[in-house]
Amino acid sequence: RAAVKPIPTLAHPLPSVDLDSGEEVLAHYE
């Protein structure tokens, strides 16, 4: 038996950070 998490690519993205600036942004969506 194995647990599958909700996949982390969300159509309504979570708050995150920009790699260049370090500032808060919405996560990239694929």
ModelCIF file with pLDDT and N, C-alpha, C, O atoms, coordinates in Angstrom:
data_MODEL
#
_entry.id   MODEL 
#
_entity.id                         1 
_entity.type                       polymer 
_entity.pdbx_number_of_molecules   1 
#
_entity_poly.entity_id                      1 
_entity_poly.type                           'polypeptide(L)' 
_entity_poly.nstd_linkage                   no 
_entity_poly.nstd_monomer                   no 
_entity_poly.pdbx_seq_one_letter_code       RAAVKPIPTLAHPLPSVDLDSGEEVLAHYE 
_entity_poly.pdbx_seq_one_letter_code_can   RAAVKPIPTLAHPLPSVDLDSGEEVLAHYE 
_entity_poly.pdbx_strand_id                 A 
#
loop_
_entity_poly_seq.entity_id 
_entity_poly_seq.num 
_entity_poly_seq.mon_id 
_entity_poly_seq.hetero 
1 1  ARG n 
1 2  ALA n 
1 3  ALA n 
1 4  VAL n 
1 5  LYS n 
1 6  PRO n 
1 7  ILE n 
1 8  PRO n 
1 9  THR n 
1 10 LEU n 
1 11 ALA n 
1 12 HIS n 
1 13 PRO n 
1 14 LEU n 
1 15 PRO n 
1 16 SER n 
1 17 VAL n 
1 18 ASP n 
1 19 LEU n 
1 20 ASP n 
1 21 SER n 
1 22 GLY n 
1 23 GLU n 
1 24 GLU n 
1 25 VAL n 
1 26 LEU n 
1 27 ALA n 
1 28 HIS n 
1 29 TYR n 
1 30 GLU n 
#
_struct_asym.id          A 
_struct_asym.entity_id   1 
#
loop_
_ma_qa_metric.id 
_ma_qa_metric.mode 
_ma_qa_metric.name 
_ma_qa_metric.software_group_id 
_ma_qa_metric.type 
1 global pLDDT . pLDDT 
2 local  pLDDT . pLDDT 
#
_ma_qa_metric_global.metric_id      1 
_ma_qa_metric_global.metric_value   92.77 
_ma_qa_metric_global.model_id       1 
_ma_qa_metric_global.ordinal_id     1 
#
loop_
_ma_qa_metric_local.label_asym_id 
_ma_qa_metric_local.label_comp_id 
_ma_qa_metric_local.label_seq_id 
_ma_qa_metric_local.metric_id 
_ma_qa_metric_local.metric_value 
_ma_qa_metric_local.model_id 
_ma_qa_metric_local.ordinal_id 
A ARG 1  2 98.00 1 1  
A ALA 2  2 98.00 1 2  
A ALA 3  2 98.00 1 3  
A VAL 4  2 97.00 1 4  
A LYS 5  2 96.00 1 5  
A PRO 6  2 96.00 1 6  
A ILE 7  2 92.00 1 7  
A PRO 8  2 90.00 1 8  
A THR 9  2 88.00 1 9  
A LEU 10 2 89.00 1 10 
A ALA 11 2 88.00 1 11 
A HIS 12 2 90.00 1 12 
A PRO 13 2 90.00 1 13 
A LEU 14 2 91.00 1 14 
A PRO 15 2 94.00 1 15 
A SER 16 2 94.00 1 16 
A VAL 17 2 95.00 1 17 
A ASP 18 2 95.00 1 18 
A LEU 19 2 95.00 1 19 
A ASP 20 2 94.00 1 20 
A SER 21 2 95.00 1 21 
A GLY 22 2 93.00 1 22 
A GLU 23 2 95.00 1 23 
A GLU 24 2 94.00 1 24 
A VAL 25 2 95.00 1 25 
A LEU 26 2 92.00 1 26 
A ALA 27 2 92.00 1 27 
A HIS 28 2 90.00 1 28 
A TYR 29 2 88.00 1 29 
A GLU 30 2 81.00 1 30 
#
loop_
_atom_site.group_PDB 
_atom_site.id 
_atom_site.type_symbol 
_atom_site.label_atom_id 
_atom_site.label_alt_id 
_atom_site.label_comp_id 
_atom_site.label_asym_id 
_atom_site.label_entity_id 
_atom_site.label_seq_id 
_atom_site.pdbx_PDB_ins_code 
_atom_site.Cartn_x 
_atom_site.Cartn_y 
_atom_site.Cartn_z 
_atom_site.occupancy 
_atom_site.B_iso_or_equiv 
_atom_site.pdbx_formal_charge 
_atom_site.auth_seq_id 
_atom_site.auth_comp_id 
_atom_site.auth_asym_id 
_atom_site.auth_atom_id 
_atom_site.pdbx_PDB_model_num 
ATOM 1   N N  . ARG A 1 1  ? 0.849  -1.188 0.000   1.00 98.00 ? 1  ARG A N  1 
ATOM 2   C CA . ARG A 1 1  ? 0.000  0.000  0.000   1.00 98.00 ? 1  ARG A CA 1 
ATOM 3   C C  . ARG A 1 1  ? 0.886  1.240  0.000   1.00 98.00 ? 1  ARG A C  1 
ATOM 4   O O  . ARG A 1 1  ? 1.940  1.257  0.636   1.00 98.00 ? 1  ARG A O  1 
ATOM 5   N N  . ALA A 1 2  ? 0.459  2.268  -0.709  1.00 98.00 ? 2  ALA A N  1 
ATOM 6   C CA . ALA A 1 2  ? 1.275  3.474  -0.792  1.00 98.00 ? 2  ALA A CA 1 
ATOM 7   C C  . ALA A 1 2  ? 0.401  4.721  -0.862  1.00 98.00 ? 2  ALA A C  1 
ATOM 8   O O  . ALA A 1 2  ? -0.695 4.703  -1.423  1.00 98.00 ? 2  ALA A O  1 
ATOM 9   N N  . ALA A 1 3  ? 0.914  5.807  -0.277  1.00 98.00 ? 3  ALA A N  1 
ATOM 10  C CA . ALA A 1 3  ? 0.200  7.081  -0.218  1.00 98.00 ? 3  ALA A CA 1 
ATOM 11  C C  . ALA A 1 3  ? 0.715  8.027  -1.293  1.00 98.00 ? 3  ALA A C  1 
ATOM 12  O O  . ALA A 1 3  ? 1.923  8.211  -1.446  1.00 98.00 ? 3  ALA A O  1 
ATOM 13  N N  . VAL A 1 4  ? -0.212 8.623  -2.035  1.00 97.00 ? 4  VAL A N  1 
ATOM 14  C CA . VAL A 1 4  ? 0.102  9.594  -3.088  1.00 97.00 ? 4  VAL A CA 1 
ATOM 15  C C  . VAL A 1 4  ? -0.378 10.964 -2.617  1.00 97.00 ? 4  VAL A C  1 
ATOM 16  O O  . VAL A 1 4  ? -1.570 11.157 -2.375  1.00 97.00 ? 4  VAL A O  1 
ATOM 17  N N  . LYS A 1 5  ? 0.534  11.901 -2.489  1.00 96.00 ? 5  LYS A N  1 
ATOM 18  C CA . LYS A 1 5  ? 0.129  13.231 -2.030  1.00 96.00 ? 5  LYS A CA 1 
ATOM 19  C C  . LYS A 1 5  ? -0.637 13.958 -3.139  1.00 96.00 ? 5  LYS A C  1 
ATOM 20  O O  . LYS A 1 5  ? -0.511 13.604 -4.311  1.00 96.00 ? 5  LYS A O  1 
ATOM 21  N N  . PRO A 1 6  ? -1.436 14.981 -2.772  1.00 96.00 ? 6  PRO A N  1 
ATOM 22  C CA . PRO A 1 6  ? -1.987 15.849 -3.817  1.00 96.00 ? 6  PRO A CA 1 
ATOM 23  C C  . PRO A 1 6  ? -0.825 16.477 -4.583  1.00 96.00 ? 6  PRO A C  1 
ATOM 24  O O  . PRO A 1 6  ? 0.075  17.055 -3.973  1.00 96.00 ? 6  PRO A O  1 
ATOM 25  N N  . ILE A 1 7  ? -0.835 16.370 -5.892  1.00 92.00 ? 7  ILE A N  1 
ATOM 26  C CA . ILE A 1 7  ? 0.315  16.879 -6.650  1.00 92.00 ? 7  ILE A CA 1 
ATOM 27  C C  . ILE A 1 7  ? 0.435  18.392 -6.464  1.00 92.00 ? 7  ILE A C  1 
ATOM 28  O O  . ILE A 1 7  ? -0.577 19.075 -6.307  1.00 92.00 ? 7  ILE A O  1 
ATOM 29  N N  . PRO A 1 8  ? 1.655  18.921 -6.478  1.00 90.00 ? 8  PRO A N  1 
ATOM 30  C CA . PRO A 1 8  ? 1.875  20.305 -6.073  1.00 90.00 ? 8  PRO A CA 1 
ATOM 31  C C  . PRO A 1 8  ? 1.718  21.358 -7.170  1.00 90.00 ? 8  PRO A C  1 
ATOM 32  O O  . PRO A 1 8  ? 1.859  22.547 -6.885  1.00 90.00 ? 8  PRO A O  1 
ATOM 33  N N  . THR A 1 9  ? 1.433  20.967 -8.407  1.00 88.00 ? 9  THR A N  1 
ATOM 34  C CA . THR A 1 9  ? 1.203  21.964 -9.455  1.00 88.00 ? 9  THR A CA 1 
ATOM 35  C C  . THR A 1 9  ? -0.267 22.369 -9.405  1.00 88.00 ? 9  THR A C  1 
ATOM 36  O O  . THR A 1 9  ? -1.142 21.600 -9.805  1.00 88.00 ? 9  THR A O  1 
ATOM 37  N N  . LEU A 1 10 ? -0.532 23.567 -8.918  1.00 89.00 ? 10 LEU A N  1 
ATOM 38  C CA . LEU A 1 10 ? -1.898 24.018 -8.687  1.00 89.00 ? 10 LEU A CA 1 
ATOM 39  C C  . LEU A 1 10 ? -2.299 25.078 -9.705  1.00 89.00 ? 10 LEU A C  1 
ATOM 40  O O  . LEU A 1 10 ? -1.528 25.993 -9.995  1.00 89.00 ? 10 LEU A O  1 
ATOM 41  N N  . ALA A 1 11 ? -3.510 24.951 -10.247 1.00 88.00 ? 11 ALA A N  1 
ATOM 42  C CA . ALA A 1 11 ? -4.019 25.955 -11.190 1.00 88.00 ? 11 ALA A CA 1 
ATOM 43  C C  . ALA A 1 11 ? -4.197 27.303 -10.508 1.00 88.00 ? 11 ALA A C  1 
ATOM 44  O O  . ALA A 1 11 ? -4.091 28.344 -11.157 1.00 88.00 ? 11 ALA A O  1 
ATOM 45  N N  . HIS A 1 12 ? -4.465 27.295 -9.216  1.00 90.00 ? 12 HIS A N  1 
ATOM 46  C CA . HIS A 1 12 ? -4.454 28.518 -8.405  1.00 90.00 ? 12 HIS A CA 1 
ATOM 47  C C  . HIS A 1 12 ? -3.200 28.443 -7.542  1.00 90.00 ? 12 HIS A C  1 
ATOM 48  O O  . HIS A 1 12 ? -3.251 27.913 -6.432  1.00 90.00 ? 12 HIS A O  1 
ATOM 49  N N  . PRO A 1 13 ? -2.085 28.961 -8.025  1.00 90.00 ? 13 PRO A N  1 
ATOM 50  C CA . PRO A 1 13 ? -0.786 28.709 -7.388  1.00 90.00 ? 13 PRO A CA 1 
ATOM 51  C C  . PRO A 1 13 ? -0.685 29.239 -5.965  1.00 90.00 ? 13 PRO A C  1 
ATOM 52  O O  . PRO A 1 13 ? -1.330 30.222 -5.601  1.00 90.00 ? 13 PRO A O  1 
ATOM 53  N N  . LEU A 1 14 ? 0.140  28.560 -5.168  1.00 91.00 ? 14 LEU A N  1 
ATOM 54  C CA . LEU A 1 14 ? 0.434  28.997 -3.811  1.00 91.00 ? 14 LEU A CA 1 
ATOM 55  C C  . LEU A 1 14 ? 1.428  30.148 -3.817  1.00 91.00 ? 14 LEU A C  1 
ATOM 56  O O  . LEU A 1 14 ? 2.147  30.335 -4.799  1.00 91.00 ? 14 LEU A O  1 
ATOM 57  N N  . PRO A 1 15 ? 1.482  30.920 -2.738  1.00 94.00 ? 15 PRO A N  1 
ATOM 58  C CA . PRO A 1 15 ? 2.541  31.932 -2.622  1.00 94.00 ? 15 PRO A CA 1 
ATOM 59  C C  . PRO A 1 15 ? 3.911  31.254 -2.617  1.00 94.00 ? 15 PRO A C  1 
ATOM 60  O O  . PRO A 1 15 ? 4.075  30.158 -2.081  1.00 94.00 ? 15 PRO A O  1 
ATOM 61  N N  . SER A 1 16 ? 4.885  31.924 -3.221  1.00 94.00 ? 16 SER A N  1 
ATOM 62  C CA . SER A 1 16 ? 6.229  31.379 -3.243  1.00 94.00 ? 16 SER A CA 1 
ATOM 63  C C  . SER A 1 16 ? 7.224  32.536 -3.322  1.00 94.00 ? 16 SER A C  1 
ATOM 64  O O  . SER A 1 16 ? 6.932  33.657 -2.907  1.00 94.00 ? 16 SER A O  1 
ATOM 65  N N  . VAL A 1 17 ? 8.408  32.238 -3.865  1.00 95.00 ? 17 VAL A N  1 
ATOM 66  C CA . VAL A 1 17 ? 9.496  33.218 -3.919  1.00 95.00 ? 17 VAL A CA 1 
ATOM 67  C C  . VAL A 1 17 ? 10.114 33.209 -5.307  1.00 95.00 ? 17 VAL A C  1 
ATOM 68  O O  . VAL A 1 17 ? 10.232 32.153 -5.929  1.00 95.00 ? 17 VAL A O  1 
ATOM 69  N N  . ASP A 1 18 ? 10.505 34.372 -5.794  1.00 95.00 ? 18 ASP A N  1 
ATOM 70  C CA . ASP A 1 18 ? 11.198 34.468 -7.079  1.00 95.00 ? 18 ASP A CA 1 
ATOM 71  C C  . ASP A 1 18 ? 12.682 34.165 -6.888  1.00 95.00 ? 18 ASP A C  1 
ATOM 72  O O  . ASP A 1 18 ? 13.310 34.651 -5.947  1.00 95.00 ? 18 ASP A O  1 
ATOM 73  N N  . LEU A 1 19 ? 13.224 33.367 -7.779  1.00 95.00 ? 19 LEU A N  1 
ATOM 74  C CA . LEU A 1 19 ? 14.612 32.934 -7.696  1.00 95.00 ? 19 LEU A CA 1 
ATOM 75  C C  . LEU A 1 19 ? 15.578 34.108 -7.795  1.00 95.00 ? 19 LEU A C  1 
ATOM 76  O O  . LEU A 1 19 ? 16.604 34.117 -7.116  1.00 95.00 ? 19 LEU A O  1 
ATOM 77  N N  . ASP A 1 20 ? 15.268 35.097 -8.627  1.00 94.00 ? 20 ASP A N  1 
ATOM 78  C CA . ASP A 1 20 ? 16.174 36.218 -8.833  1.00 94.00 ? 20 ASP A CA 1 
ATOM 79  C C  . ASP A 1 20 ? 16.154 37.211 -7.678  1.00 94.00 ? 20 ASP A C  1 
ATOM 80  O O  . ASP A 1 20 ? 17.196 37.608 -7.158  1.00 94.00 ? 20 ASP A O  1 
ATOM 81  N N  . SER A 1 21 ? 14.931 37.605 -7.286  1.00 95.00 ? 21 SER A N  1 
ATOM 82  C CA . SER A 1 21 ? 14.806 38.704 -6.315  1.00 95.00 ? 21 SER A CA 1 
ATOM 83  C C  . SER A 1 21 ? 14.668 38.241 -4.877  1.00 95.00 ? 21 SER A C  1 
ATOM 84  O O  . SER A 1 21 ? 14.990 38.987 -3.952  1.00 95.00 ? 21 SER A O  1 
ATOM 85  N N  . GLY A 1 22 ? 14.190 37.011 -4.675  1.00 93.00 ? 22 GLY A N  1 
ATOM 86  C CA . GLY A 1 22 ? 13.904 36.557 -3.329  1.00 93.00 ? 22 GLY A CA 1 
ATOM 87  C C  . GLY A 1 22 ? 12.602 37.101 -2.782  1.00 93.00 ? 22 GLY A C  1 
ATOM 88  O O  . GLY A 1 22 ? 12.254 36.850 -1.629  1.00 93.00 ? 22 GLY A O  1 
ATOM 89  N N  . GLU A 1 23 ? 11.873 37.854 -3.613  1.00 95.00 ? 23 GLU A N  1 
ATOM 90  C CA . GLU A 1 23 ? 10.619 38.457 -3.183  1.00 95.00 ? 23 GLU A CA 1 
ATOM 91  C C  . GLU A 1 23 ? 9.461  37.481 -3.362  1.00 95.00 ? 23 GLU A C  1 
ATOM 92  O O  . GLU A 1 23 ? 9.546  36.528 -4.138  1.00 95.00 ? 23 GLU A O  1 
ATOM 93  N N  . GLU A 1 24 ? 8.370  37.740 -2.625  1.00 94.00 ? 24 GLU A N  1 
ATOM 94  C CA . GLU A 1 24 ? 7.200  36.875 -2.708  1.00 94.00 ? 24 GLU A CA 1 
ATOM 95  C C  . GLU A 1 24 ? 6.491  37.034 -4.045  1.00 94.00 ? 24 GLU A C  1 
ATOM 96  O O  . GLU A 1 24 ? 6.279  38.152 -4.515  1.00 94.00 ? 24 GLU A O  1 
ATOM 97  N N  . VAL A 1 25 ? 6.125  35.903 -4.657  1.00 95.00 ? 25 VAL A N  1 
ATOM 98  C CA . VAL A 1 25 ? 5.367  35.859 -5.905  1.00 95.00 ? 25 VAL A CA 1 
ATOM 99  C C  . VAL A 1 25 ? 4.420  34.657 -5.827  1.00 95.00 ? 25 VAL A C  1 
ATOM 100 O O  . VAL A 1 25 ? 4.475  33.876 -4.877  1.00 95.00 ? 25 VAL A O  1 
ATOM 101 N N  . LEU A 1 26 ? 3.554  34.519 -6.833  1.00 92.00 ? 26 LEU A N  1 
ATOM 102 C CA . LEU A 1 26 ? 2.794  33.292 -6.968  1.00 92.00 ? 26 LEU A CA 1 
ATOM 103 C C  . LEU A 1 26 ? 3.652  32.268 -7.714  1.00 92.00 ? 26 LEU A C  1 
ATOM 104 O O  . LEU A 1 26 ? 4.394  32.619 -8.631  1.00 92.00 ? 26 LEU A O  1 
ATOM 105 N N  . ALA A 1 27 ? 3.544  31.013 -7.317  1.00 92.00 ? 27 ALA A N  1 
ATOM 106 C CA . ALA A 1 27 ? 4.356  29.961 -7.922  1.00 92.00 ? 27 ALA A CA 1 
ATOM 107 C C  . ALA A 1 27 ? 4.077  29.836 -9.416  1.00 92.00 ? 27 ALA A C  1 
ATOM 108 O O  . ALA A 1 27 ? 2.984  30.150 -9.886  1.00 92.00 ? 27 ALA A O  1 
ATOM 109 N N  . HIS A 1 28 ? 5.084  29.371 -10.151 1.00 90.00 ? 28 HIS A N  1 
ATOM 110 C CA . HIS A 1 28 ? 4.940  29.098 -11.582 1.00 90.00 ? 28 HIS A CA 1 
ATOM 111 C C  . HIS A 1 28 ? 3.924  27.968 -11.778 1.00 90.00 ? 28 HIS A C  1 
ATOM 112 O O  . HIS A 1 28 ? 3.842  27.053 -10.959 1.00 90.00 ? 28 HIS A O  1 
ATOM 113 N N  . TYR A 1 29 ? 3.151  28.036 -12.866 1.00 88.00 ? 29 TYR A N  1 
ATOM 114 C CA . TYR A 1 29 ? 2.162  26.990 -13.160 1.00 88.00 ? 29 TYR A CA 1 
ATOM 115 C C  . TYR A 1 29 ? 2.467  26.347 -14.493 1.00 88.00 ? 29 TYR A C  1 
ATOM 116 O O  . TYR A 1 29 ? 2.612  27.031 -15.506 1.00 88.00 ? 29 TYR A O  1 
ATOM 117 N N  . GLU A 1 30 ? 2.564  25.020 -14.488 1.00 81.00 ? 30 GLU A N  1 
ATOM 118 C CA . GLU A 1 30 ? 2.658  24.223 -15.706 1.00 81.00 ? 30 GLU A CA 1 
ATOM 119 C C  . GLU A 1 30 ? 1.379  23.403 -15.826 1.00 81.00 ? 30 GLU A C  1 
ATOM 120 O O  . GLU A 1 30 ? 1.220  22.644 -16.781 1.00 81.00 ? 30 GLU A O  1 
#
